[in-house]
Amino acid sequence: ESGGGLVQAGGSLRLSCAASGSTFSNYVMGWFRQAPGKEREFVAAIRW
């Protein structure tokens, strides 16, 4: 992953996930997030 950072409320960021080591045509790719003291949670997913 890359693209994280500090931004003000109302702003935008674009995260990237570079994948390697397989053919991903039959994969589902997901984004999760984990805030301090909280469990990791699902954000979004895409079928390749």
All heavy atoms as atom14 arrays in JSON, in Angstrom:
{
  "sequence": "ESGGGLVQAGGSLRLSCAASGSTFSNYVMGWFRQAPGKEREFVAAIRW",
  "atom14_mask": [
    [1, 1, 1, 1, 1, 1, 1, 1, 1, 0, 0, 0, 0, 0],
    [1, 1, 1, 1, 1, 1, 0, 0, 0, 0, 0, 0, 0, 0],
    [1, 1, 1, 1, 0, 0, 0, 0, 0, 0, 0, 0, 0, 0],
    [1, 1, 1, 1, 0, 0, 0, 0, 0, 0, 0, 0, 0, 0],
    [1, 1, 1, 1, 0, 0, 0, 0, 0, 0, 0, 0, 0, 0],
    [1, 1, 1, 1, 1, 1, 1, 1, 0, 0, 0, 0, 0, 0],
    [1, 1, 1, 1, 1, 1, 1, 0, 0, 0, 0, 0, 0, 0],
    [1, 1, 1, 1, 1, 1, 1, 1, 1, 0, 0, 0, 0, 0],
    [1, 1, 1, 1, 1, 0, 0, 0, 0, 0, 0, 0, 0, 0],
    [1, 1, 1, 1, 0, 0, 0, 0, 0, 0, 0, 0, 0, 0],
    [1, 1, 1, 1, 0, 0, 0, 0, 0, 0, 0, 0, 0, 0],
    [1, 1, 1, 1, 1, 1, 0, 0, 0, 0, 0, 0, 0, 0],
    [1, 1, 1, 1, 1, 1, 1, 1, 0, 0, 0, 0, 0, 0],
    [1, 1, 1, 1, 1, 1, 1, 1, 1, 1, 1, 0, 0, 0],
    [1, 1, 1, 1, 1, 1, 1, 1, 0, 0, 0, 0, 0, 0],
    [1, 1, 1, 1, 1, 1, 0, 0, 0, 0, 0, 0, 0, 0],
    [1, 1, 1, 1, 1, 1, 0, 0, 0, 0, 0, 0, 0, 0],
    [1, 1, 1, 1, 1, 0, 0, 0, 0, 0, 0, 0, 0, 0],
    [1, 1, 1, 1, 1, 0, 0, 0, 0, 0, 0, 0, 0, 0],
    [1, 1, 1, 1, 1, 1, 0, 0, 0, 0, 0, 0, 0, 0],
    [1, 1, 1, 1, 0, 0, 0, 0, 0, 0, 0, 0, 0, 0],
    [1, 1, 1, 1, 1, 1, 0, 0, 0, 0, 0, 0, 0, 0],
    [1, 1, 1, 1, 1, 1, 1, 0, 0, 0, 0, 0, 0, 0],
    [1, 1, 1, 1, 1, 1, 1, 1, 1, 1, 1, 0, 0, 0],
    [1, 1, 1, 1, 1, 1, 0, 0, 0, 0, 0, 0, 0, 0],
    [1, 1, 1, 1, 1, 1, 1, 1, 0, 0, 0, 0, 0, 0],
    [1, 1, 1, 1, 1, 1, 1, 1, 1, 1, 1, 1, 0, 0],
    [1, 1, 1, 1, 1, 1, 1, 0, 0, 0, 0, 0, 0, 0],
    [1, 1, 1, 1, 1, 1, 1, 1, 0, 0, 0, 0, 0, 0],
    [1, 1, 1, 1, 0, 0, 0, 0, 0, 0, 0, 0, 0, 0],
    [1, 1, 1, 1, 1, 1, 1, 1, 1, 1, 1, 1, 1, 1],
    [1, 1, 1, 1, 1, 1, 1, 1, 1, 1, 1, 0, 0, 0],
    [1, 1, 1, 1, 1, 1, 1, 1, 1, 1, 1, 0, 0, 0],
    [1, 1, 1, 1, 1, 1, 1, 1, 1, 0, 0, 0, 0, 0],
    [1, 1, 1, 1, 1, 0, 0, 0, 0, 0, 0, 0, 0, 0],
    [1, 1, 1, 1, 1, 1, 1, 0, 0, 0, 0, 0, 0, 0],
    [1, 1, 1, 1, 0, 0, 0, 0, 0, 0, 0, 0, 0, 0],
    [1, 1, 1, 1, 1, 1, 1, 1, 1, 0, 0, 0, 0, 0],
    [1, 1, 1, 1, 1, 1, 1, 1, 1, 0, 0, 0, 0, 0],
    [1, 1, 1, 1, 1, 1, 1, 1, 1, 1, 1, 0, 0, 0],
    [1, 1, 1, 1, 1, 1, 1, 1, 1, 0, 0, 0, 0, 0],
    [1, 1, 1, 1, 1, 1, 1, 1, 1, 1, 1, 0, 0, 0],
    [1, 1, 1, 1, 1, 1, 1, 0, 0, 0, 0, 0, 0, 0],
    [1, 1, 1, 1, 1, 0, 0, 0, 0, 0, 0, 0, 0, 0],
    [1, 1, 1, 1, 1, 0, 0, 0, 0, 0, 0, 0, 0, 0],
    [1, 1, 1, 1, 1, 1, 1, 1, 0, 0, 0, 0, 0, 0],
    [1, 1, 1, 1, 1, 1, 1, 1, 1, 1, 1, 0, 0, 0],
    [1, 1, 1, 1, 1, 1, 1, 1, 1, 1, 1, 1, 1, 1]
  ],
  "atom14_positions": [
    [[0.83, -1.2, 0.0], [0.0, 0.0, 0.0], [0.86, 1.25, 0.0], [2.0, 1.25, 0.49], [-0.91, 0.06, 1.23], [-1.84, -1.12, 1.43], [-1.3, -2.1, 2.44], [-0.06, -2.18, 2.58], [-2.11, -2.79, 3.1], [0.0, 0.0, 0.0], [0.0, 0.0, 0.0], [0.0, 0.0, 0.0], [0.0, 0.0, 0.0], [0.0, 0.0, 0.0]],
    [[0.28, 2.32, -0.52], [0.91, 3.64, -0.46], [-0.18, 4.69, -0.58], [-1.33, 4.38, -0.92], [1.94, 3.8, -1.58], [1.32, 3.68, -2.85], [0.0, 0.0, 0.0], [0.0, 0.0, 0.0], [0.0, 0.0, 0.0], [0.0, 0.0, 0.0], [0.0, 0.0, 0.0], [0.0, 0.0, 0.0], [0.0, 0.0, 0.0], [0.0, 0.0, 0.0]],
    [[0.2, 5.94, -0.28], [-0.73, 7.04, -0.49], [-1.35, 7.62, 0.76], [-2.1, 8.6, 0.68], [0.0, 0.0, 0.0], [0.0, 0.0, 0.0], [0.0, 0.0, 0.0], [0.0, 0.0, 0.0], [0.0, 0.0, 0.0], [0.0, 0.0, 0.0], [0.0, 0.0, 0.0], [0.0, 0.0, 0.0], [0.0, 0.0, 0.0], [0.0, 0.0, 0.0]],
    [[-1.07, 7.05, 1.91], [-1.62, 7.6, 3.13], [-0.97, 8.93, 3.49], [-0.01, 9.36, 2.86], [0.0, 0.0, 0.0], [0.0, 0.0, 0.0], [0.0, 0.0, 0.0], [0.0, 0.0, 0.0], [0.0, 0.0, 0.0], [0.0, 0.0, 0.0], [0.0, 0.0, 0.0], [0.0, 0.0, 0.0], [0.0, 0.0, 0.0], [0.0, 0.0, 0.0]],
    [[-1.53, 9.59, 4.5], [-0.98, 10.85, 4.94], [-1.91, 11.6, 5.84], [-2.9, 11.04, 6.34], [0.0, 0.0, 0.0], [0.0, 0.0, 0.0], [0.0, 0.0, 0.0], [0.0, 0.0, 0.0], [0.0, 0.0, 0.0], [0.0, 0.0, 0.0], [0.0, 0.0, 0.0], [0.0, 0.0, 0.0], [0.0, 0.0, 0.0], [0.0, 0.0, 0.0]],
    [[-1.59, 12.86, 6.06], [-2.38, 13.75, 6.92], [-3.17, 14.71, 6.03], [-2.61, 15.34, 5.13], [-1.45, 14.54, 7.84], [-2.08, 15.64, 8.7], [-3.08, 15.04, 9.68], [-1.0, 16.41, 9.43], [0.0, 0.0, 0.0], [0.0, 0.0, 0.0], [0.0, 0.0, 0.0], [0.0, 0.0, 0.0], [0.0, 0.0, 0.0], [0.0, 0.0, 0.0]],
    [[-4.46, 14.82, 6.3], [-5.32, 15.68, 5.49], [-6.36, 16.32, 6.4], [-6.73, 15.74, 7.42], [-5.98, 14.87, 4.36], [-6.92, 13.81, 4.9], [-6.69, 15.78, 3.36], [0.0, 0.0, 0.0], [0.0, 0.0, 0.0], [0.0, 0.0, 0.0], [0.0, 0.0, 0.0], [0.0, 0.0, 0.0], [0.0, 0.0, 0.0], [0.0, 0.0, 0.0]],
    [[-6.81, 17.5, 6.04], [-7.85, 18.16, 6.8], [-9.23, 17.57, 6.45], [-9.43, 17.03, 5.36], [-7.86, 19.66, 6.53], [-6.67, 20.39, 7.13], [-6.81, 21.9, 7.0], [-7.43, 22.4, 6.07], [-6.22, 22.62, 7.95], [0.0, 0.0, 0.0], [0.0, 0.0, 0.0], [0.0, 0.0, 0.0], [0.0, 0.0, 0.0], [0.0, 0.0, 0.0]],
    [[-10.14, 17.7, 7.38], [-11.51, 17.24, 7.14], [-12.05, 17.91, 5.87], [-11.84, 19.1, 5.64], [-12.4, 17.56, 8.33], [0.0, 0.0, 0.0], [0.0, 0.0, 0.0], [0.0, 0.0, 0.0], [0.0, 0.0, 0.0], [0.0, 0.0, 0.0], [0.0, 0.0, 0.0], [0.0, 0.0, 0.0], [0.0, 0.0, 0.0], [0.0, 0.0, 0.0]],
    [[-12.73, 17.1, 5.06], [-13.24, 17.59, 3.79], [-12.29, 17.36, 2.63], [-12.68, 17.53, 1.46], [0.0, 0.0, 0.0], [0.0, 0.0, 0.0], [0.0, 0.0, 0.0], [0.0, 0.0, 0.0], [0.0, 0.0, 0.0], [0.0, 0.0, 0.0], [0.0, 0.0, 0.0], [0.0, 0.0, 0.0], [0.0, 0.0, 0.0], [0.0, 0.0, 0.0]],
    [[-11.06, 16.99, 2.93], [-10.07, 16.77, 1.89], [-10.14, 15.38, 1.28], [-11.04, 14.59, 1.59], [0.0, 0.0, 0.0], [0.0, 0.0, 0.0], [0.0, 0.0, 0.0], [0.0, 0.0, 0.0], [0.0, 0.0, 0.0], [0.0, 0.0, 0.0], [0.0, 0.0, 0.0], [0.0, 0.0, 0.0], [0.0, 0.0, 0.0], [0.0, 0.0, 0.0]],
    [[-9.18, 15.08, 0.4], [-9.17, 13.82, -0.34], [-7.79, 13.18, -0.29], [-6.77, 13.87, -0.16], [-9.54, 14.07, -1.8], [-10.85, 14.6, -1.93], [0.0, 0.0, 0.0], [0.0, 0.0, 0.0], [0.0, 0.0, 0.0], [0.0, 0.0, 0.0], [0.0, 0.0, 0.0], [0.0, 0.0, 0.0], [0.0, 0.0, 0.0], [0.0, 0.0, 0.0]],
    [[-7.78, 11.87, -0.4], [-6.55, 11.09, -0.56], [-6.86, 9.93, -1.49], [-8.02, 9.46, -1.55], [-6.08, 10.53, 0.78], [-5.33, 11.43, 1.74], [-5.07, 10.69, 3.05], [-4.02, 11.93, 1.16], [0.0, 0.0, 0.0], [0.0, 0.0, 0.0], [0.0, 0.0, 0.0], [0.0, 0.0, 0.0], [0.0, 0.0, 0.0], [0.0, 0.0, 0.0]],
    [[-5.83, 9.44, -2.19], [-5.99, 8.23, -2.98], [-4.95, 7.21, -2.53], [-3.75, 7.47, -2.6], [-5.83, 8.49, -4.47], [-6.19, 7.26, -5.31], [-6.09, 7.49, -6.79], [-4.72, 7.44, -7.28], [-4.39, 7.19, -8.54], [-5.34, 6.97, -9.44], [-3.12, 7.18, -8.91], [0.0, 0.0, 0.0], [0.0, 0.0, 0.0], [0.0, 0.0, 0.0]],
    [[-5.44, 6.08, -2.06], [-4.56, 5.0, -1.65], [-4.35, 4.05, -2.83], [-5.25, 3.85, -3.64], [-5.17, 4.22, -0.49], [-5.56, 5.02, 0.74], [-6.07, 4.09, 1.84], [-4.41, 5.87, 1.25], [0.0, 0.0, 0.0], [0.0, 0.0, 0.0], [0.0, 0.0, 0.0], [0.0, 0.0, 0.0], [0.0, 0.0, 0.0], [0.0, 0.0, 0.0]],
    [[-3.16, 3.48, -2.9], [-2.83, 2.5, -3.94], [-2.4, 1.2, -3.29], [-1.79, 1.2, -2.22], [-1.7, 3.03, -4.83], [-2.06, 4.22, -5.48], [0.0, 0.0, 0.0], [0.0, 0.0, 0.0], [0.0, 0.0, 0.0], [0.0, 0.0, 0.0], [0.0, 0.0, 0.0], [0.0, 0.0, 0.0], [0.0, 0.0, 0.0], [0.0, 0.0, 0.0]],
    [[-2.7, 0.1, -3.97], [-2.27, -1.23, -3.53], [-1.69, -1.94, -4.74], [-2.43, -2.33, -5.65], [-3.44, -2.0, -2.95], [-3.07, -3.74, -2.59], [0.0, 0.0, 0.0], [0.0, 0.0, 0.0], [0.0, 0.0, 0.0], [0.0, 0.0, 0.0], [0.0, 0.0, 0.0], [0.0, 0.0, 0.0], [0.0, 0.0, 0.0], [0.0, 0.0, 0.0]],
    [[-0.38, -2.08, -4.76], [0.29, -2.78, -5.85], [0.36, -4.27, -5.52], [0.91, -4.65, -4.49], [1.69, -2.21, -6.05], [0.0, 0.0, 0.0], [0.0, 0.0, 0.0], [0.0, 0.0, 0.0], [0.0, 0.0, 0.0], [0.0, 0.0, 0.0], [0.0, 0.0, 0.0], [0.0, 0.0, 0.0], [0.0, 0.0, 0.0], [0.0, 0.0, 0.0]],
    [[-0.21, -5.08, -6.4], [-0.3, -6.52, -6.17], [0.67, -7.27, -7.09], [0.82, -6.92, -8.26], [-1.72, -7.0, -6.42], [0.0, 0.0, 0.0], [0.0, 0.0, 0.0], [0.0, 0.0, 0.0], [0.0, 0.0, 0.0], [0.0, 0.0, 0.0], [0.0, 0.0, 0.0], [0.0, 0.0, 0.0], [0.0, 0.0, 0.0], [0.0, 0.0, 0.0]],
    [[1.3, -8.3, -6.56], [2.22, -9.12, -7.35], [2.2, -10.55, -6.85], [1.69, -10.85, -5.77], [3.64, -8.55, -7.28], [4.12, -8.57, -5.95], [0.0, 0.0, 0.0], [0.0, 0.0, 0.0], [0.0, 0.0, 0.0], [0.0, 0.0, 0.0], [0.0, 0.0, 0.0], [0.0, 0.0, 0.0], [0.0, 0.0, 0.0], [0.0, 0.0, 0.0]],
    [[2.75, -11.45, -7.67], [2.9, -12.83, -7.24], [1.82, -13.78, -7.69], [1.86, -14.97, -7.34], [0.0, 0.0, 0.0], [0.0, 0.0, 0.0], [0.0, 0.0, 0.0], [0.0, 0.0, 0.0], [0.0, 0.0, 0.0], [0.0, 0.0, 0.0], [0.0, 0.0, 0.0], [0.0, 0.0, 0.0], [0.0, 0.0, 0.0], [0.0, 0.0, 0.0]],
    [[0.86, -13.3, -8.44], [-0.21, -14.18, -8.92], [-0.91, -13.53, -10.1], [-0.66, -12.37, -10.43], [-1.21, -14.44, -7.8], [-2.23, -15.33, -8.21], [0.0, 0.0, 0.0], [0.0, 0.0, 0.0], [0.0, 0.0, 0.0], [0.0, 0.0, 0.0], [0.0, 0.0, 0.0], [0.0, 0.0, 0.0], [0.0, 0.0, 0.0], [0.0, 0.0, 0.0]],
    [[-1.79, -14.29, -10.71], [-2.72, -13.73, -11.69], [-4.01, -13.43, -10.94], [-4.61, -14.32, -10.36], [-2.99, -14.74, -12.83], [-1.77, -15.08, -13.47], [-3.95, -14.14, -13.83], [0.0, 0.0, 0.0], [0.0, 0.0, 0.0], [0.0, 0.0, 0.0], [0.0, 0.0, 0.0], [0.0, 0.0, 0.0], [0.0, 0.0, 0.0], [0.0, 0.0, 0.0]],
    [[-4.41, -12.19, -10.95], [-5.47, -11.74, -10.05], [-6.85, -11.71, -10.68], [-7.79, -11.2, -10.07], [-5.11, -10.37, -9.48], [-3.92, -10.41, -8.56], [-2.65, -10.14, -9.03], [-4.07, -10.76, -7.23], [-1.54, -10.2, -8.2], [-2.98, -10.83, -6.38], [-1.71, -10.55, -6.87], [0.0, 0.0, 0.0], [0.0, 0.0, 0.0], [0.0, 0.0, 0.0]],
    [[-6.99, -12.27, -11.85], [-8.27, -12.17, -12.55], [-9.42, -12.82, -11.79], [-10.58, -12.44, -11.96], [-8.16, -12.78, -13.94], [-7.75, -14.13, -13.84], [0.0, 0.0, 0.0], [0.0, 0.0, 0.0], [0.0, 0.0, 0.0], [0.0, 0.0, 0.0], [0.0, 0.0, 0.0], [0.0, 0.0, 0.0], [0.0, 0.0, 0.0], [0.0, 0.0, 0.0]],
    [[-9.15, -13.8, -10.93], [-10.22, -14.44, -10.16], [-10.16, -14.09, -8.68], [-10.6, -14.85, -7.84], [-10.19, -15.95, -10.36], [-8.9, -16.55, -9.84], [-7.91, -15.85, -9.65], [-8.89, -17.84, -9.61], [0.0, 0.0, 0.0], [0.0, 0.0, 0.0], [0.0, 0.0, 0.0], [0.0, 0.0, 0.0], [0.0, 0.0, 0.0], [0.0, 0.0, 0.0]],
    [[-9.62, -12.93, -8.38], [-9.49, -12.48, -7.0], [-10.52, -11.41, -6.67], [-11.0, -10.68, -7.54], [-8.1, -11.89, -6.76], [-7.04, -12.9, -6.4], [-6.63, -13.87, -7.31], [-6.42, -12.85, -5.15], [-5.65, -14.78, -6.98], [-5.43, -13.77, -4.82], [-5.05, -14.73, -5.74], [-4.07, -15.62, -5.41], [0.0, 0.0, 0.0], [0.0, 0.0, 0.0]],
    [[-10.81, -11.31, -5.37], [-11.47, -10.15, -4.8], [-10.41, -9.37, -4.03], [-9.66, -9.95, -3.23], [-12.62, -10.55, -3.86], [-13.13, -9.33, -3.1], [-13.75, -11.18, -4.64], [0.0, 0.0, 0.0], [0.0, 0.0, 0.0], [0.0, 0.0, 0.0], [0.0, 0.0, 0.0], [0.0, 0.0, 0.0], [0.0, 0.0, 0.0], [0.0, 0.0, 0.0]],
    [[-10.36, -8.08, -4.27], [-9.42, -7.2, -3.58], [-10.22, -6.3, -2.64], [-11.24, -5.72, -3.03], [-8.66, -6.34, -4.58], [-7.99, -7.11, -5.7], [-6.7, -8.22, -5.11], [-5.5, -7.03, -4.53], [0.0, 0.0, 0.0], [0.0, 0.0, 0.0], [0.0, 0.0, 0.0], [0.0, 0.0, 0.0], [0.0, 0.0, 0.0], [0.0, 0.0, 0.0]],
    [[-9.73, -6.18, -1.42], [-10.47, -5.39, -0.43], [-9.61, -4.35, 0.26], [-8.38, -4.45, 0.28], [0.0, 0.0, 0.0], [0.0, 0.0, 0.0], [0.0, 0.0, 0.0], [0.0, 0.0, 0.0], [0.0, 0.0, 0.0], [0.0, 0.0, 0.0], [0.0, 0.0, 0.0], [0.0, 0.0, 0.0], [0.0, 0.0, 0.0], [0.0, 0.0, 0.0]],
    [[-10.28, -3.36, 0.8], [-9.65, -2.38, 1.69], [-10.32, -2.5, 3.06], [-11.56, -2.53, 3.15], [-9.8, -0.96, 1.16], [-8.9, -0.62, 0.02], [-9.21, -0.62, -1.31], [-7.53, -0.22, 0.11], [-8.12, -0.26, -2.05], [-7.07, 0.0, -1.21], [-6.63, -0.02, 1.17], [-5.77, 0.41, -1.5], [-5.34, 0.39, 0.88], [-4.91, 0.6, -0.44]],
    [[-9.5, -2.56, 4.08], [-9.95, -2.57, 5.46], [-9.26, -1.42, 6.19], [-8.29, -0.86, 5.71], [-9.58, -3.9, 6.14], [-10.38, -5.07, 5.67], [-10.13, -5.64, 4.42], [-11.36, -5.63, 6.46], [-10.86, -6.73, 3.97], [-12.1, -6.72, 6.03], [-11.84, -7.26, 4.79], [0.0, 0.0, 0.0], [0.0, 0.0, 0.0], [0.0, 0.0, 0.0]],
    [[-9.76, -1.09, 7.38], [-9.09, -0.08, 8.19], [-9.19, -0.45, 9.65], [-10.13, -1.14, 10.06], [-9.68, 1.31, 7.94], [-11.14, 1.47, 8.36], [-11.66, 2.83, 7.93], [-13.06, 3.03, 8.31], [-13.78, 4.07, 7.94], [-13.24, 5.02, 7.17], [-15.05, 4.18, 8.33], [0.0, 0.0, 0.0], [0.0, 0.0, 0.0], [0.0, 0.0, 0.0]],
    [[-8.22, 0.05, 10.41], [-8.2, -0.21, 11.85], [-7.8, 1.06, 12.58], [-6.68, 1.56, 12.41], [-7.23, -1.34, 12.18], [-7.3, -1.78, 13.63], [-6.6, -3.11, 13.85], [-5.77, -3.53, 13.04], [-6.92, -3.77, 14.94], [0.0, 0.0, 0.0], [0.0, 0.0, 0.0], [0.0, 0.0, 0.0], [0.0, 0.0, 0.0], [0.0, 0.0, 0.0]],
    [[-8.73, 1.58, 13.37], [-8.48, 2.75, 14.19], [-7.91, 2.3, 15.53], [-8.11, 1.15, 15.95], [-9.77, 3.53, 14.39], [0.0, 0.0, 0.0], [0.0, 0.0, 0.0], [0.0, 0.0, 0.0], [0.0, 0.0, 0.0], [0.0, 0.0, 0.0], [0.0, 0.0, 0.0], [0.0, 0.0, 0.0], [0.0, 0.0, 0.0], [0.0, 0.0, 0.0]],
    [[-7.21, 3.18, 16.25], [-6.63, 2.81, 17.54], [-7.68, 2.29, 18.5], [-8.74, 2.91, 18.68], [-6.02, 4.12, 18.03], [-5.73, 4.89, 16.79], [-6.83, 4.54, 15.84], [0.0, 0.0, 0.0], [0.0, 0.0, 0.0], [0.0, 0.0, 0.0], [0.0, 0.0, 0.0], [0.0, 0.0, 0.0], [0.0, 0.0, 0.0], [0.0, 0.0, 0.0]],
    [[-7.42, 1.14, 19.09], [-8.33, 0.57, 20.06], [-9.55, -0.11, 19.49], [-10.43, -0.55, 20.23], [0.0, 0.0, 0.0], [0.0, 0.0, 0.0], [0.0, 0.0, 0.0], [0.0, 0.0, 0.0], [0.0, 0.0, 0.0], [0.0, 0.0, 0.0], [0.0, 0.0, 0.0], [0.0, 0.0, 0.0], [0.0, 0.0, 0.0], [0.0, 0.0, 0.0]],
    [[-9.62, -0.19, 18.15], [-10.8, -0.79, 17.52], [-10.38, -1.99, 16.66], [-9.21, -2.14, 16.31], [-11.53, 0.24, 16.66], [-12.14, 1.37, 17.45], [-13.0, 2.26, 16.57], [-13.69, 3.36, 17.37], [-14.56, 4.2, 16.53], [0.0, 0.0, 0.0], [0.0, 0.0, 0.0], [0.0, 0.0, 0.0], [0.0, 0.0, 0.0], [0.0, 0.0, 0.0]],
    [[-11.36, -2.8, 16.33], [-11.09, -3.94, 15.47], [-10.96, -3.49, 14.02], [-11.51, -2.46, 13.62], [-12.21, -4.98, 15.61], [-12.26, -5.64, 16.97], [-13.21, -6.82, 17.01], [-13.91, -7.04, 16.01], [-13.25, -7.51, 18.03], [0.0, 0.0, 0.0], [0.0, 0.0, 0.0], [0.0, 0.0, 0.0], [0.0, 0.0, 0.0], [0.0, 0.0, 0.0]],
    [[-10.27, -4.3, 13.25], [-10.15, -4.02, 11.83], [-11.52, -4.2, 11.18], [-12.23, -5.18, 11.45], [-9.12, -4.96, 11.2], [-8.68, -4.57, 9.83], [-7.49, -5.42, 9.37], [-6.33, -5.24, 10.24], [-5.14, -5.75, 9.95], [-4.95, -6.45, 8.84], [-4.14, -5.57, 10.79], [0.0, 0.0, 0.0], [0.0, 0.0, 0.0], [0.0, 0.0, 0.0]],
    [[-11.9, -3.25, 10.31], [-13.21, -3.29, 9.69], [-13.13, -3.17, 8.18], [-12.23, -2.54, 7.63], [-14.11, -2.17, 10.25], [-13.64, -0.77, 9.92], [-14.63, 0.3, 10.35], [-15.69, -0.04, 10.91], [-14.35, 1.49, 10.1], [0.0, 0.0, 0.0], [0.0, 0.0, 0.0], [0.0, 0.0, 0.0], [0.0, 0.0, 0.0], [0.0, 0.0, 0.0]],
    [[-14.13, -3.75, 7.54], [-14.22, -3.72, 6.09], [-14.59, -2.32, 5.61], [-15.41, -1.63, 6.22], [-15.29, -4.71, 5.63], [-15.65, -4.61, 4.18], [-14.83, -5.17, 3.22], [-16.8, -3.95, 3.78], [-15.15, -5.08, 1.89], [-17.13, -3.86, 2.44], [-16.31, -4.42, 1.5], [0.0, 0.0, 0.0], [0.0, 0.0, 0.0], [0.0, 0.0, 0.0]],
    [[-13.98, -1.91, 4.49], [-14.28, -0.62, 3.89], [-14.9, -0.78, 2.5], [-15.99, -0.27, 2.23], [-13.02, 0.26, 3.78], [-13.33, 1.57, 3.06], [-12.44, 0.55, 5.16], [0.0, 0.0, 0.0], [0.0, 0.0, 0.0], [0.0, 0.0, 0.0], [0.0, 0.0, 0.0], [0.0, 0.0, 0.0], [0.0, 0.0, 0.0], [0.0, 0.0, 0.0]],
    [[-14.2, -1.49, 1.63], [-14.67, -1.63, 0.24], [-13.98, -2.83, -0.4], [-12.92, -3.25, 0.06], [-14.37, -0.37, -0.56], [0.0, 0.0, 0.0], [0.0, 0.0, 0.0], [0.0, 0.0, 0.0], [0.0, 0.0, 0.0], [0.0, 0.0, 0.0], [0.0, 0.0, 0.0], [0.0, 0.0, 0.0], [0.0, 0.0, 0.0], [0.0, 0.0, 0.0]],
    [[-14.58, -3.33, -1.47], [-13.97, -4.45, -2.2], [-14.36, -4.38, -3.67], [-15.39, -3.78, -4.03], [-14.39, -5.78, -1.61], [0.0, 0.0, 0.0], [0.0, 0.0, 0.0], [0.0, 0.0, 0.0], [0.0, 0.0, 0.0], [0.0, 0.0, 0.0], [0.0, 0.0, 0.0], [0.0, 0.0, 0.0], [0.0, 0.0, 0.0], [0.0, 0.0, 0.0]],
    [[-13.54, -5.03, -4.49], [-13.78, -5.06, -5.93], [-13.4, -6.43, -6.47], [-12.4, -7.02, -6.04], [-12.97, -3.95, -6.65], [-13.3, -3.9, -8.14], [-11.47, -4.11, -6.43], [-12.76, -2.63, -8.83], [0.0, 0.0, 0.0], [0.0, 0.0, 0.0], [0.0, 0.0, 0.0], [0.0, 0.0, 0.0], [0.0, 0.0, 0.0], [0.0, 0.0, 0.0]],
    [[-14.22, -6.95, -7.35], [-13.88, -8.18, -8.05], [-13.0, -7.83, -9.24], [-13.39, -6.99, -10.07], [-15.14, -8.9, -8.53], [-15.98, -9.42, -7.4], [-17.15, -10.26, -7.89], [-17.91, -10.73, -6.77], [-17.6, -11.77, -6.03], [-16.53, -12.48, -6.33], [-18.34, -12.14, -5.0], [0.0, 0.0, 0.0], [0.0, 0.0, 0.0], [0.0, 0.0, 0.0]],
    [[-11.81, -8.47, -9.29], [-10.9, -8.07, -10.35], [-11.51, -8.34, -11.72], [-11.4, -7.52, -12.63], [-9.58, -8.83, -10.21], [-8.47, -8.08, -10.85], [-8.24, -7.94, -12.18], [-7.46, -7.33, -10.17], [-7.15, -7.14, -12.38], [-6.63, -6.76, -11.17], [-7.17, -7.09, -8.84], [-5.54, -5.97, -10.86], [-6.08, -6.31, -8.54], [-5.27, -5.76, -9.54]]
  ]
}
